[in-house]
Amino acid sequence: MKKFALFLLGAVSLIVLLSQLGSMIGLIVSLAVLYFAFKKFNQAASTGGKVLWAVVGIIALCFSIGNVPAIIGVAALAGLYFVYKAWKNERPVIVEPRDPFDHFEKEWKEFR
């Protein structure tokens, strides 16, 4: 039952991740442009350069805010990671027989 629940969680997380993939790529690109604009804004010596990079930064910030649903994709990626780790760490359960005559020597040592 636990394997089925992990499989179901993994399948749902994969579907959500794939549906938010475009938004995630847009967020990464817009944050990269925003970072580049911020660095260029700090390096600009003229007022016109600072205004240009400020406008580019504001536009990139607007695109970043528009891609906020990408956070759902990041949560789905975290869910997939959780499923992967839980699936790999699951150990098989070893059931010892309850019949005392199957392991007579073990029972004799416990008796003493």
PDB file of N, CA and C in Angstrom:
ATOM      1  N   MET A   1       0.824  -1.189   0.000  1.00  0.00           N
ATOM      2  CA  MET A   1       0.000   0.000   0.000  1.00  0.00           C
ATOM      3  C   MET A   1       0.870   1.257   0.000  1.00  0.00           C
ATOM      4  N   LYS A   2       2.005   1.182   0.709  1.00  0.00           N
ATOM      5  CA  LYS A   2       2.884   2.346   0.774  1.00  0.00           C
ATOM      6  C   LYS A   2       3.509   2.628  -0.590  1.00  0.00           C
ATOM      7  N   LYS A   3       3.858   1.583  -1.322  1.00  0.00           N
ATOM      8  CA  LYS A   3       4.424   1.754  -2.663  1.00  0.00           C
ATOM      9  C   LYS A   3       3.402   2.402  -3.588  1.00  0.00           C
ATOM     10  N   PHE A   4       2.139   2.008  -3.460  1.00  0.00           N
ATOM     11  CA  PHE A   4       1.096   2.584  -4.293  1.00  0.00           C
ATOM     12  C   PHE A   4       0.920   4.072  -4.000  1.00  0.00           C
ATOM     13  N   ALA A   5       0.942   4.430  -2.710  1.00  0.00           N
ATOM     14  CA  ALA A   5       0.810   5.841  -2.340  1.00  0.00           C
ATOM     15  C   ALA A   5       2.006   6.650  -2.845  1.00  0.00           C
ATOM     16  N   LEU A   6       3.202   6.092  -2.743  1.00  0.00           N
ATOM     17  CA  LEU A   6       4.381   6.782  -3.268  1.00  0.00           C
ATOM     18  C   LEU A   6       4.301   6.935  -4.785  1.00  0.00           C
ATOM     19  N   PHE A   7       3.842   5.888  -5.471  1.00  0.00           N
ATOM     20  CA  PHE A   7       3.693   5.972  -6.916  1.00  0.00           C
ATOM     21  C   PHE A   7       2.671   7.028  -7.302  1.00  0.00           C
ATOM     22  N   LEU A   8       1.557   7.075  -6.589  1.00  0.00           N
ATOM     23  CA  LEU A   8       0.506   8.059  -6.869  1.00  0.00           C
ATOM     24  C   LEU A   8       1.010   9.477  -6.627  1.00  0.00           C
ATOM     25  N   LEU A   9       1.709   9.695  -5.518  1.00  0.00           N
ATOM     26  CA  LEU A   9       2.276  11.011  -5.230  1.00  0.00           C
ATOM     27  C   LEU A   9       3.301  11.406  -6.283  1.00  0.00           C
ATOM     28  N   GLY A  10       4.118  10.462  -6.703  1.00  0.00           N
ATOM     29  CA  GLY A  10       5.104  10.739  -7.740  1.00  0.00           C
ATOM     30  C   GLY A  10       4.460  11.077  -9.066  1.00  0.00           C
ATOM     31  N   ALA A  11       3.400  10.362  -9.438  1.00  0.00           N
ATOM     32  CA  ALA A  11       2.720  10.623 -10.705  1.00  0.00           C
ATOM     33  C   ALA A  11       2.064  12.002 -10.710  1.00  0.00           C
ATOM     34  N   VAL A  12       1.412  12.343  -9.615  1.00  0.00           N
ATOM     35  CA  VAL A  12       0.778  13.664  -9.521  1.00  0.00           C
ATOM     36  C   VAL A  12       1.829  14.767  -9.530  1.00  0.00           C
ATOM     37  N   SER A  13       2.920  14.571  -8.813  1.00  0.00           N
ATOM     38  CA  SER A  13       3.993  15.564  -8.792  1.00  0.00           C
ATOM     39  C   SER A  13       4.612  15.739 -10.177  1.00  0.00           C
ATOM     40  N   LEU A  14       4.777  14.652 -10.905  1.00  0.00           N
ATOM     41  CA  LEU A  14       5.341  14.742 -12.248  1.00  0.00           C
ATOM     42  C   LEU A  14       4.410  15.492 -13.188  1.00  0.00           C
ATOM     43  N   ILE A  15       3.118  15.244 -13.098  1.00  0.00           N
ATOM     44  CA  ILE A  15       2.150  15.951 -13.945  1.00  0.00           C
ATOM     45  C   ILE A  15       2.154  17.441 -13.626  1.00  0.00           C
ATOM     46  N   VAL A  16       2.164  17.791 -12.340  1.00  0.00           N
ATOM     47  CA  VAL A  16       2.188  19.205 -11.948  1.00  0.00           C
ATOM     48  C   VAL A  16       3.497  19.858 -12.391  1.00  0.00           C
ATOM     49  N   LEU A  17       4.604  19.154 -12.235  1.00  0.00           N
ATOM     50  CA  LEU A  17       5.894  19.689 -12.651  1.00  0.00           C
ATOM     51  C   LEU A  17       5.921  19.959 -14.151  1.00  0.00           C
ATOM     52  N   LEU A  18       5.427  19.018 -14.939  1.00  0.00           N
ATOM     53  CA  LEU A  18       5.415  19.209 -16.383  1.00  0.00           C
ATOM     54  C   LEU A  18       4.475  20.337 -16.803  1.00  0.00           C
ATOM     55  N   SER A  19       3.380  20.528 -16.074  1.00  0.00           N
ATOM     56  CA  SER A  19       2.464  21.616 -16.420  1.00  0.00           C
ATOM     57  C   SER A  19       3.037  22.983 -16.048  1.00  0.00           C
ATOM     58  N   GLN A  20       3.925  23.048 -15.086  1.00  0.00           N
ATOM     59  CA  GLN A  20       4.510  24.316 -14.646  1.00  0.00           C
ATOM     60  C   GLN A  20       5.905  24.540 -15.207  1.00  0.00           C
ATOM     61  N   LEU A  21       6.366  23.684 -16.101  1.00  0.00           N
ATOM     62  CA  LEU A  21       7.727  23.779 -16.617  1.00  0.00           C
ATOM     63  C   LEU A  21       7.981  25.087 -17.367  1.00  0.00           C
ATOM     64  N   GLY A  22       7.045  25.510 -18.189  1.00  0.00           N
ATOM     65  CA  GLY A  22       7.202  26.766 -18.916  1.00  0.00           C
ATOM     66  C   GLY A  22       7.278  27.963 -17.984  1.00  0.00           C
ATOM     67  N   SER A  23       6.447  27.953 -16.974  1.00  0.00           N
ATOM     68  CA  SER A  23       6.464  29.030 -15.990  1.00  0.00           C
ATOM     69  C   SER A  23       7.776  29.051 -15.208  1.00  0.00           C
ATOM     70  N   MET A  24       8.305  27.866 -14.906  1.00  0.00           N
ATOM     71  CA  MET A  24       9.577  27.794 -14.187  1.00  0.00           C
ATOM     72  C   MET A  24      10.727  28.330 -15.037  1.00  0.00           C
ATOM     73  N   ILE A  25      10.737  27.975 -16.328  1.00  0.00           N
ATOM     74  CA  ILE A  25      11.778  28.487 -17.219  1.00  0.00           C
ATOM     75  C   ILE A  25      11.662  30.000 -17.351  1.00  0.00           C
ATOM     76  N   GLY A  26      10.434  30.510 -17.471  1.00  0.00           N
ATOM     77  CA  GLY A  26      10.223  31.952 -17.533  1.00  0.00           C
ATOM     78  C   GLY A  26      10.705  32.657 -16.280  1.00  0.00           C
ATOM     79  N   LEU A  27      10.464  32.065 -15.131  1.00  0.00           N
ATOM     80  CA  LEU A  27      10.929  32.665 -13.878  1.00  0.00           C
ATOM     81  C   LEU A  27      12.448  32.692 -13.808  1.00  0.00           C
ATOM     82  N   ILE A  28      13.087  31.615 -14.219  1.00  0.00           N
ATOM     83  CA  ILE A  28      14.556  31.570 -14.186  1.00  0.00           C
ATOM     84  C   ILE A  28      15.150  32.615 -15.118  1.00  0.00           C
ATOM     85  N   VAL A  29      14.597  32.725 -16.332  1.00  0.00           N
ATOM     86  CA  VAL A  29      15.116  33.695 -17.299  1.00  0.00           C
ATOM     87  C   VAL A  29      14.886  35.123 -16.813  1.00  0.00           C
ATOM     88  N   SER A  30      13.692  35.400 -16.300  1.00  0.00           N
ATOM     89  CA  SER A  30      13.409  36.767 -15.844  1.00  0.00           C
ATOM     90  C   SER A  30      14.242  37.140 -14.616  1.00  0.00           C
ATOM     91  N   LEU A  31      14.506  36.187 -13.733  1.00  0.00           N
ATOM     92  CA  LEU A  31      15.367  36.481 -12.586  1.00  0.00           C
ATOM     93  C   LEU A  31      16.817  36.687 -13.019  1.00  0.00           C
ATOM     94  N   ALA A  32      17.244  35.964 -14.059  1.00  0.00           N
ATOM     95  CA  ALA A  32      18.594  36.167 -14.584  1.00  0.00           C
ATOM     96  C   ALA A  32      18.721  37.553 -15.217  1.00  0.00           C
ATOM     97  N   VAL A  33      17.713  37.968 -15.973  1.00  0.00           N
ATOM     98  CA  VAL A  33      17.725  39.317 -16.570  1.00  0.00           C
ATOM     99  C   VAL A  33      17.683  40.374 -15.476  1.00  0.00           C
ATOM    100  N   LEU A  34      16.901  40.155 -14.440  1.00  0.00           N
ATOM    101  CA  LEU A  34      16.832  41.104 -13.329  1.00  0.00           C
ATOM    102  C   LEU A  34      18.180  41.226 -12.626  1.00  0.00           C
ATOM    103  N   TYR A  35      18.860  40.110 -12.417  1.00  0.00           N
ATOM    104  CA  TYR A  35      20.179  40.133 -11.790  1.00  0.00           C
ATOM    105  C   TYR A  35      21.186  40.873 -12.673  1.00  0.00           C
ATOM    106  N   PHE A  36      21.148  40.586 -13.980  1.00  0.00           N
ATOM    107  CA  PHE A  36      22.047  41.258 -14.925  1.00  0.00           C
ATOM    108  C   PHE A  36      21.772  42.761 -14.955  1.00  0.00           C
ATOM    109  N   ALA A  37      20.500  43.162 -14.950  1.00  0.00           N
ATOM    110  CA  ALA A  37      20.142  44.585 -14.955  1.00  0.00           C
ATOM    111  C   ALA A  37      20.602  45.262 -13.667  1.00  0.00           C
ATOM    112  N   PHE A  38      20.479  44.569 -12.541  1.00  0.00           N
ATOM    113  CA  PHE A  38      20.926  45.144 -11.272  1.00  0.00           C
ATOM    114  C   PHE A  38      22.441  45.366 -11.273  1.00  0.00           C
ATOM    115  N   LYS A  39      23.179  44.361 -11.783  1.00  0.00           N
ATOM    116  CA  LYS A  39      24.642  44.514 -11.848  1.00  0.00           C
ATOM    117  C   LYS A  39      25.030  45.662 -12.773  1.00  0.00           C
ATOM    118  N   LYS A  40      24.386  45.767 -13.938  1.00  0.00           N
ATOM    119  CA  LYS A  40      24.683  46.845 -14.880  1.00  0.00           C
ATOM    120  C   LYS A  40      24.253  48.199 -14.336  1.00  0.00           C
ATOM    121  N   PHE A  41      23.156  48.234 -13.579  1.00  0.00           N
ATOM    122  CA  PHE A  41      22.705  49.485 -12.958  1.00  0.00           C
ATOM    123  C   PHE A  41      23.758  50.000 -11.978  1.00  0.00           C
ATOM    124  N   ASN A  42      24.342  49.105 -11.199  1.00  0.00           N
ATOM    125  CA  ASN A  42      25.366  49.514 -10.238  1.00  0.00           C
ATOM    126  C   ASN A  42      26.663  49.946 -10.926  1.00  0.00           C
ATOM    127  N   GLN A  43      26.943  49.414 -12.113  1.00  0.00           N
ATOM    128  CA  GLN A  43      28.174  49.746 -12.820  1.00  0.00           C
ATOM    129  C   GLN A  43      28.024  50.963 -13.722  1.00  0.00           C
ATOM    130  N   ALA A  44      26.796  51.363 -14.023  1.00  0.00           N
ATOM    131  CA  ALA A  44      26.578  52.480 -14.945  1.00  0.00           C
ATOM    132  C   ALA A  44      27.069  53.782 -14.328  1.00  0.00           C
ATOM    133  N   ALA A  45      27.775  54.580 -15.155  1.00  0.00           N
ATOM    134  CA  ALA A  45      28.315  55.854 -14.668  1.00  0.00           C
ATOM    135  C   ALA A  45      27.380  57.018 -14.993  1.00  0.00           C
ATOM    136  N   SER A  46      26.657  56.939 -16.094  1.00  0.00           N
ATOM    137  CA  SER A  46      25.798  58.051 -16.502  1.00  0.00           C
ATOM    138  C   SER A  46      24.373  57.864 -16.002  1.00  0.00           C
ATOM    139  N   THR A  47      23.651  58.964 -15.964  1.00  0.00           N
ATOM    140  CA  THR A  47      22.260  58.932 -15.516  1.00  0.00           C
ATOM    141  C   THR A  47      21.393  58.194 -16.529  1.00  0.00           C
ATOM    142  N   GLY A  48      21.678  58.382 -17.826  1.00  0.00           N
ATOM    143  CA  GLY A  48      20.912  57.692 -18.857  1.00  0.00           C
ATOM    144  C   GLY A  48      21.078  56.189 -18.772  1.00  0.00           C
ATOM    145  N   GLY A  49      22.287  55.738 -18.486  1.00  0.00           N
ATOM    146  CA  GLY A  49      22.545  54.306 -18.326  1.00  0.00           C
ATOM    147  C   GLY A  49      21.812  53.736 -17.133  1.00  0.00           C
ATOM    148  N   LYS A  50      21.790  54.514 -16.038  1.00  0.00           N
ATOM    149  CA  LYS A  50      21.084  54.048 -14.836  1.00  0.00           C
ATOM    150  C   LYS A  50      19.578  53.963 -15.092  1.00  0.00           C
ATOM    151  N   VAL A  51      19.030  54.962 -15.829  1.00  0.00           N
ATOM    152  CA  VAL A  51      17.597  54.939 -16.139  1.00  0.00           C
ATOM    153  C   VAL A  51      17.276  53.743 -17.042  1.00  0.00           C
ATOM    154  N   LEU A  52      18.127  53.507 -18.053  1.00  0.00           N
ATOM    155  CA  LEU A  52      17.909  52.378 -18.963  1.00  0.00           C
ATOM    156  C   LEU A  52      17.902  51.062 -18.205  1.00  0.00           C
ATOM    157  N   TRP A  53      18.888  50.834 -17.345  1.00  0.00           N
ATOM    158  CA  TRP A  53      18.964  49.566 -16.615  1.00  0.00           C
ATOM    159  C   TRP A  53      17.880  49.458 -15.542  1.00  0.00           C
ATOM    160  N   ALA A  54      17.427  50.602 -15.013  1.00  0.00           N
ATOM    161  CA  ALA A  54      16.311  50.570 -14.064  1.00  0.00           C
ATOM    162  C   ALA A  54      15.024  50.144 -14.768  1.00  0.00           C
ATOM    163  N   VAL A  55      14.799  50.655 -15.980  1.00  0.00           N
ATOM    164  CA  VAL A  55      13.611  50.272 -16.737  1.00  0.00           C
ATOM    165  C   VAL A  55      13.669  48.784 -17.101  1.00  0.00           C
ATOM    166  N   VAL A  56      14.834  48.316 -17.543  1.00  0.00           N
ATOM    167  CA  VAL A  56      14.991  46.895 -17.858  1.00  0.00           C
ATOM    168  C   VAL A  56      14.741  46.050 -16.603  1.00  0.00           C
ATOM    169  N   GLY A  57      15.247  46.494 -15.475  1.00  0.00           N
ATOM    170  CA  GLY A  57      15.041  45.767 -14.219  1.00  0.00           C
ATOM    171  C   GLY A  57      13.584  45.736 -13.797  1.00  0.00           C
ATOM    172  N   ILE A  58      12.870  46.838 -13.982  1.00  0.00           N
ATOM    173  CA  ILE A  58      11.448  46.887 -13.619  1.00  0.00           C
ATOM    174  C   ILE A  58      10.643  45.956 -14.514  1.00  0.00           C
ATOM    175  N   ILE A  59      10.960  45.938 -15.815  1.00  0.00           N
ATOM    176  CA  ILE A  59      10.265  45.034 -16.728  1.00  0.00           C
ATOM    177  C   ILE A  59      10.546  43.579 -16.348  1.00  0.00           C
ATOM    178  N   ALA A  60      11.804  43.264 -16.033  1.00  0.00           N
ATOM    179  CA  ALA A  60      12.144  41.897 -15.626  1.00  0.00           C
ATOM    180  C   ALA A  60      11.449  41.530 -14.319  1.00  0.00           C
ATOM    181  N   LEU A  61      11.322  42.486 -13.404  1.00  0.00           N
ATOM    182  CA  LEU A  61      10.613  42.233 -12.149  1.00  0.00           C
ATOM    183  C   LEU A  61       9.141  41.935 -12.404  1.00  0.00           C
ATOM    184  N   CYS A  62       8.528  42.657 -13.335  1.00  0.00           N
ATOM    185  CA  CYS A  62       7.123  42.401 -13.677  1.00  0.00           C
ATOM    186  C   CYS A  62       6.955  40.997 -14.267  1.00  0.00           C
ATOM    187  N   PHE A  63       7.888  40.590 -15.129  1.00  0.00           N
ATOM    188  CA  PHE A  63       7.823  39.229 -15.674  1.00  0.00           C
ATOM    189  C   PHE A  63       8.036  38.196 -14.568  1.00  0.00           C
ATOM    190  N   SER A  64       8.901  38.484 -13.613  1.00  0.00           N
ATOM    191  CA  SER A  64       9.137  37.541 -12.510  1.00  0.00           C
ATOM    192  C   SER A  64       7.891  37.388 -11.650  1.00  0.00           C
ATOM    193  N   ILE A  65       7.216  38.482 -11.386  1.00  0.00           N
ATOM    194  CA  ILE A  65       5.987  38.421 -10.591  1.00  0.00           C
ATOM    195  C   ILE A  65       4.907  37.654 -11.343  1.00  0.00           C
ATOM    196  N   GLY A  66       4.903  37.778 -12.675  1.00  0.00           N
ATOM    197  CA  GLY A  66       3.927  37.046 -13.478  1.00  0.00           C
ATOM    198  C   GLY A  66       4.164  35.549 -13.495  1.00  0.00           C
ATOM    199  N   ASN A  67       5.350  35.122 -13.145  1.00  0.00           N
ATOM    200  CA  ASN A  67       5.678  33.695 -13.149  1.00  0.00           C
ATOM    201  C   ASN A  67       5.707  33.096 -11.750  1.00  0.00           C
ATOM    202  N   VAL A  68       4.959  33.655 -10.830  1.00  0.00           N
ATOM    203  CA  VAL A  68       4.908  33.148  -9.460  1.00  0.00           C
ATOM    204  C   VAL A  68       4.345  31.725  -9.389  1.00  0.00           C
ATOM    205  N   PRO A  69       3.436  31.308 -10.291  1.00  0.00           N
ATOM    206  CA  PRO A  69       2.977  29.907 -10.219  1.00  0.00           C
ATOM    207  C   PRO A  69       4.085  28.884 -10.384  1.00  0.00           C
ATOM    208  N   ALA A  70       5.265  29.317 -10.777  1.00  0.00           N
ATOM    209  CA  ALA A  70       6.394  28.390 -10.876  1.00  0.00           C
ATOM    210  C   ALA A  70       6.765  27.832  -9.512  1.00  0.00           C
ATOM    211  N   ILE A  71       6.376  28.502  -8.450  1.00  0.00           N
ATOM    212  CA  ILE A  71       6.646  28.008  -7.102  1.00  0.00           C
ATOM    213  C   ILE A  71       5.915  26.686  -6.881  1.00  0.00           C
ATOM    214  N   ILE A  72       4.748  26.523  -7.506  1.00  0.00           N
ATOM    215  CA  ILE A  72       4.030  25.254  -7.431  1.00  0.00           C
ATOM    216  C   ILE A  72       4.859  24.161  -8.101  1.00  0.00           C
ATOM    217  N   GLY A  73       5.505  24.506  -9.210  1.00  0.00           N
ATOM    218  CA  GLY A  73       6.380  23.548  -9.880  1.00  0.00           C
ATOM    219  C   GLY A  73       7.577  23.164  -9.029  1.00  0.00           C
ATOM    220  N   VAL A  74       8.113  24.126  -8.295  1.00  0.00           N
ATOM    221  CA  VAL A  74       9.240  23.830  -7.395  1.00  0.00           C
ATOM    222  C   VAL A  74       8.768  22.903  -6.269  1.00  0.00           C
ATOM    223  N   ALA A  75       7.560  23.136  -5.767  1.00  0.00           N
ATOM    224  CA  ALA A  75       7.012  22.247  -4.735  1.00  0.00           C
ATOM    225  C   ALA A  75       6.793  20.842  -5.296  1.00  0.00           C
ATOM    226  N   ALA A  76       6.368  20.745  -6.557  1.00  0.00           N
ATOM    227  CA  ALA A  76       6.204  19.429  -7.185  1.00  0.00           C
ATOM    228  C   ALA A  76       7.549  18.742  -7.356  1.00  0.00           C
ATOM    229  N   LEU A  77       8.577  19.516  -7.678  1.00  0.00           N
ATOM    230  CA  LEU A  77       9.917  18.949  -7.790  1.00  0.00           C
ATOM    231  C   LEU A  77      10.399  18.422  -6.437  1.00  0.00           C
ATOM    232  N   ALA A  78      10.091  19.160  -5.372  1.00  0.00           N
ATOM    233  CA  ALA A  78      10.431  18.692  -4.027  1.00  0.00           C
ATOM    234  C   ALA A  78       9.662  17.414  -3.691  1.00  0.00           C
ATOM    235  N   GLY A  79       8.402  17.329  -4.122  1.00  0.00           N
ATOM    236  CA  GLY A  79       7.619  16.115  -3.906  1.00  0.00           C
ATOM    237  C   GLY A  79       8.210  14.923  -4.638  1.00  0.00           C
ATOM    238  N   LEU A  80       8.677  15.148  -5.862  1.00  0.00           N
ATOM    239  CA  LEU A  80       9.330  14.071  -6.607  1.00  0.00           C
ATOM    240  C   LEU A  80      10.607  13.614  -5.917  1.00  0.00           C
ATOM    241  N   TYR A  81      11.363  14.552  -5.372  1.00  0.00           N
ATOM    242  CA  TYR A  81      12.581  14.205  -4.643  1.00  0.00           C
ATOM    243  C   TYR A  81      12.239  13.370  -3.403  1.00  0.00           C
ATOM    244  N   PHE A  82      11.196  13.757  -2.693  1.00  0.00           N
ATOM    245  CA  PHE A  82      10.754  13.020  -1.511  1.00  0.00           C
ATOM    246  C   PHE A  82      10.361  11.584  -1.883  1.00  0.00           C
ATOM    247  N   VAL A  83       9.617  11.442  -2.974  1.00  0.00           N
ATOM    248  CA  VAL A  83       9.192  10.114  -3.416  1.00  0.00           C
ATOM    249  C   VAL A  83      10.405   9.275  -3.799  1.00  0.00           C
ATOM    250  N   TYR A  84      11.353   9.875  -4.497  1.00  0.00           N
ATOM    251  CA  TYR A  84      12.558   9.148  -4.909  1.00  0.00           C
ATOM    252  C   TYR A  84      13.335   8.658  -3.691  1.00  0.00           C
ATOM    253  N   LYS A  85      13.531   9.527  -2.708  1.00  0.00           N
ATOM    254  CA  LYS A  85      14.276   9.137  -1.506  1.00  0.00           C
ATOM    255  C   LYS A  85      13.520   8.072  -0.706  1.00  0.00           C
ATOM    256  N   ALA A  86      12.202   8.213  -0.584  1.00  0.00           N
ATOM    257  CA  ALA A  86      11.418   7.242   0.171  1.00  0.00           C
ATOM    258  C   ALA A  86      11.403   5.896  -0.537  1.00  0.00           C
ATOM    259  N   TRP A  87      11.379   5.896  -1.863  1.00  0.00           N
ATOM    260  CA  TRP A  87      11.360   4.648  -2.620  1.00  0.00           C
ATOM    261  C   TRP A  87      12.691   3.918  -2.501  1.00  0.00           C
ATOM    262  N   LYS A  88      13.803   4.666  -2.525  1.00  0.00           N
ATOM    263  CA  LYS A  88      15.123   4.048  -2.465  1.00  0.00           C
ATOM    264  C   LYS A  88      15.462   3.555  -1.057  1.00  0.00           C
ATOM    265  N   ASN A  89      14.948   4.197  -0.023  1.00  0.00           N
ATOM    266  CA  ASN A  89      15.308   3.842   1.351  1.00  0.00           C
ATOM    267  C   ASN A  89      14.413   2.771   1.957  1.00  0.00           C
ATOM    268  N   GLU A  90      13.440   2.302   1.219  1.00  0.00           N
ATOM    269  CA  GLU A  90      12.534   1.300   1.772  1.00  0.00           C
ATOM    270  C   GLU A  90      13.237  -0.048   1.826  1.00  0.00           C
ATOM    271  N   ARG A  91      13.287  -0.630   2.994  1.00  0.00           N
ATOM    272  CA  ARG A  91      13.971  -1.900   3.204  1.00  0.00           C
ATOM    273  C   ARG A  91      12.938  -3.031   3.246  1.00  0.00           C
ATOM    274  N   PRO A  92      13.289  -4.172   2.741  1.00  0.00           N
ATOM    275  CA  PRO A  92      12.341  -5.292   2.815  1.00  0.00           C
ATOM    276  C   PRO A  92      12.185  -5.774   4.258  1.00  0.00           C
ATOM    277  N   VAL A  93      11.012  -6.180   4.587  1.00  0.00           N
ATOM    278  CA  VAL A  93      10.721  -6.664   5.934  1.00  0.00           C
ATOM    279  C   VAL A  93      11.053  -8.150   5.995  1.00  0.00           C
ATOM    280  N   ILE A  94      11.899  -8.525   6.941  1.00  0.00           N
ATOM    281  CA  ILE A  94      12.284  -9.922   7.119  1.00  0.00           C
ATOM    282  C   ILE A  94      11.421 -10.505   8.234  1.00  0.00           C
ATOM    283  N   VAL A  95      10.645 -11.479   7.884  1.00  0.00           N
ATOM    284  CA  VAL A  95       9.740 -12.101   8.844  1.00  0.00           C
ATOM    285  C   VAL A  95      10.367 -13.410   9.296  1.00  0.00           C
ATOM    286  N   GLU A  96      10.595 -13.513  10.600  1.00  0.00           N
ATOM    287  CA  GLU A  96      11.138 -14.757  11.149  1.00  0.00           C
ATOM    288  C   GLU A  96       9.982 -15.720  11.419  1.00  0.00           C
ATOM    289  N   PRO A  97      10.209 -16.992  11.202  1.00  0.00           N
ATOM    290  CA  PRO A  97       9.134 -17.963  11.459  1.00  0.00           C
ATOM    291  C   PRO A  97       8.819 -18.034  12.951  1.00  0.00           C
ATOM    292  N   ARG A  98       7.558 -18.271  13.234  1.00  0.00           N
ATOM    293  CA  ARG A  98       7.122 -18.322  14.627  1.00  0.00           C
ATOM    294  C   ARG A  98       7.201 -19.738  15.211  1.00  0.00           C
ATOM    295  N   ASP A  99       7.458 -20.710  14.392  1.00  0.00           N
ATOM    296  CA  ASP A  99       7.517 -22.085  14.867  1.00  0.00           C
ATOM    297  C   ASP A  99       8.850 -22.302  15.594  1.00  0.00           C
ATOM    298  N   PRO A 100       8.848 -22.644  16.878  1.00  0.00           N
ATOM    299  CA  PRO A 100      10.106 -22.799  17.614  1.00  0.00           C
ATOM    300  C   PRO A 100      10.955 -23.975  17.133  1.00  0.00           C
ATOM    301  N   PHE A 101      10.363 -24.940  16.460  1.00  0.00           N
ATOM    302  CA  PHE A 101      11.132 -26.097  16.015  1.00  0.00           C
ATOM    303  C   PHE A 101      11.901 -25.827  14.723  1.00  0.00           C
ATOM    304  N   ASP A 102      11.631 -24.707  14.066  1.00  0.00           N
ATOM    305  CA  ASP A 102      12.389 -24.359  12.860  1.00  0.00           C
ATOM    306  C   ASP A 102      13.822 -23.977  13.221  1.00  0.00           C
ATOM    307  N   HIS A 103      13.992 -23.324  14.332  1.00  0.00           N
ATOM    308  CA  HIS A 103      15.326 -22.897  14.770  1.00  0.00           C
ATOM    309  C   HIS A 103      15.562 -23.411  16.191  1.00  0.00           C
ATOM    310  N   PHE A 104      15.759 -24.686  16.298  1.00  0.00           N
ATOM    311  CA  PHE A 104      15.885 -25.325  17.596  1.00  0.00           C
ATOM    312  C   PHE A 104      17.086 -24.807  18.373  1.00  0.00           C
ATOM    313  N   GLU A 105      18.225 -24.604  17.673  1.00  0.00           N
ATOM    314  CA  GLU A 105      19.431 -24.161  18.375  1.00  0.00           C
ATOM    315  C   GLU A 105      19.228 -22.767  18.976  1.00  0.00           C
ATOM    316  N   LYS A 106      18.562 -21.899  18.250  1.00  0.00           N
ATOM    317  CA  LYS A 106      18.322 -20.552  18.761  1.00  0.00           C
ATOM    318  C   LYS A 106      17.417 -20.597  20.007  1.00  0.00           C
ATOM    319  N   GLU A 107      16.399 -21.388  19.936  1.00  0.00           N
ATOM    320  CA  GLU A 107      15.501 -21.504  21.073  1.00  0.00           C
ATOM    321  C   GLU A 107      16.203 -22.153  22.270  1.00  0.00           C
ATOM    322  N   TRP A 108      17.082 -23.105  22.042  1.00  0.00           N
ATOM    323  CA  TRP A 108      17.794 -23.753  23.134  1.00  0.00           C
ATOM    324  C   TRP A 108      18.734 -22.772  23.830  1.00  0.00           C
ATOM    325  N   LYS A 109      19.384 -21.875  23.050  1.00  0.00           N
ATOM    326  CA  LYS A 109      20.251 -20.859  23.656  1.00  0.00           C
ATOM    327  C   LYS A 109      19.450 -19.855  24.466  1.00  0.00           C
ATOM    328  N   GLU A 110      18.265 -19.524  24.001  1.00  0.00           N
ATOM    329  CA  GLU A 110      17.431 -18.589  24.760  1.00  0.00           C
ATOM    330  C   GLU A 110      16.886 -19.250  26.016  1.00  0.00           C
ATOM    331  N   PHE A 111      16.701 -20.559  25.988  1.00  0.00           N
ATOM    332  CA  PHE A 111      16.171 -21.293  27.129  1.00  0.00           C
ATOM    333  C   PHE A 111      17.168 -21.319  28.264  1.00  0.00           C
ATOM    334  N   ARG A 112      18.471 -21.426  27.911  1.00  0.00           N
ATOM    335  CA  ARG A 112      19.494 -21.510  28.950  1.00  0.00           C
ATOM    336  C   ARG A 112      19.624 -20.223  29.608  1.00  0.00           C
TER     337      ARG A 112
END
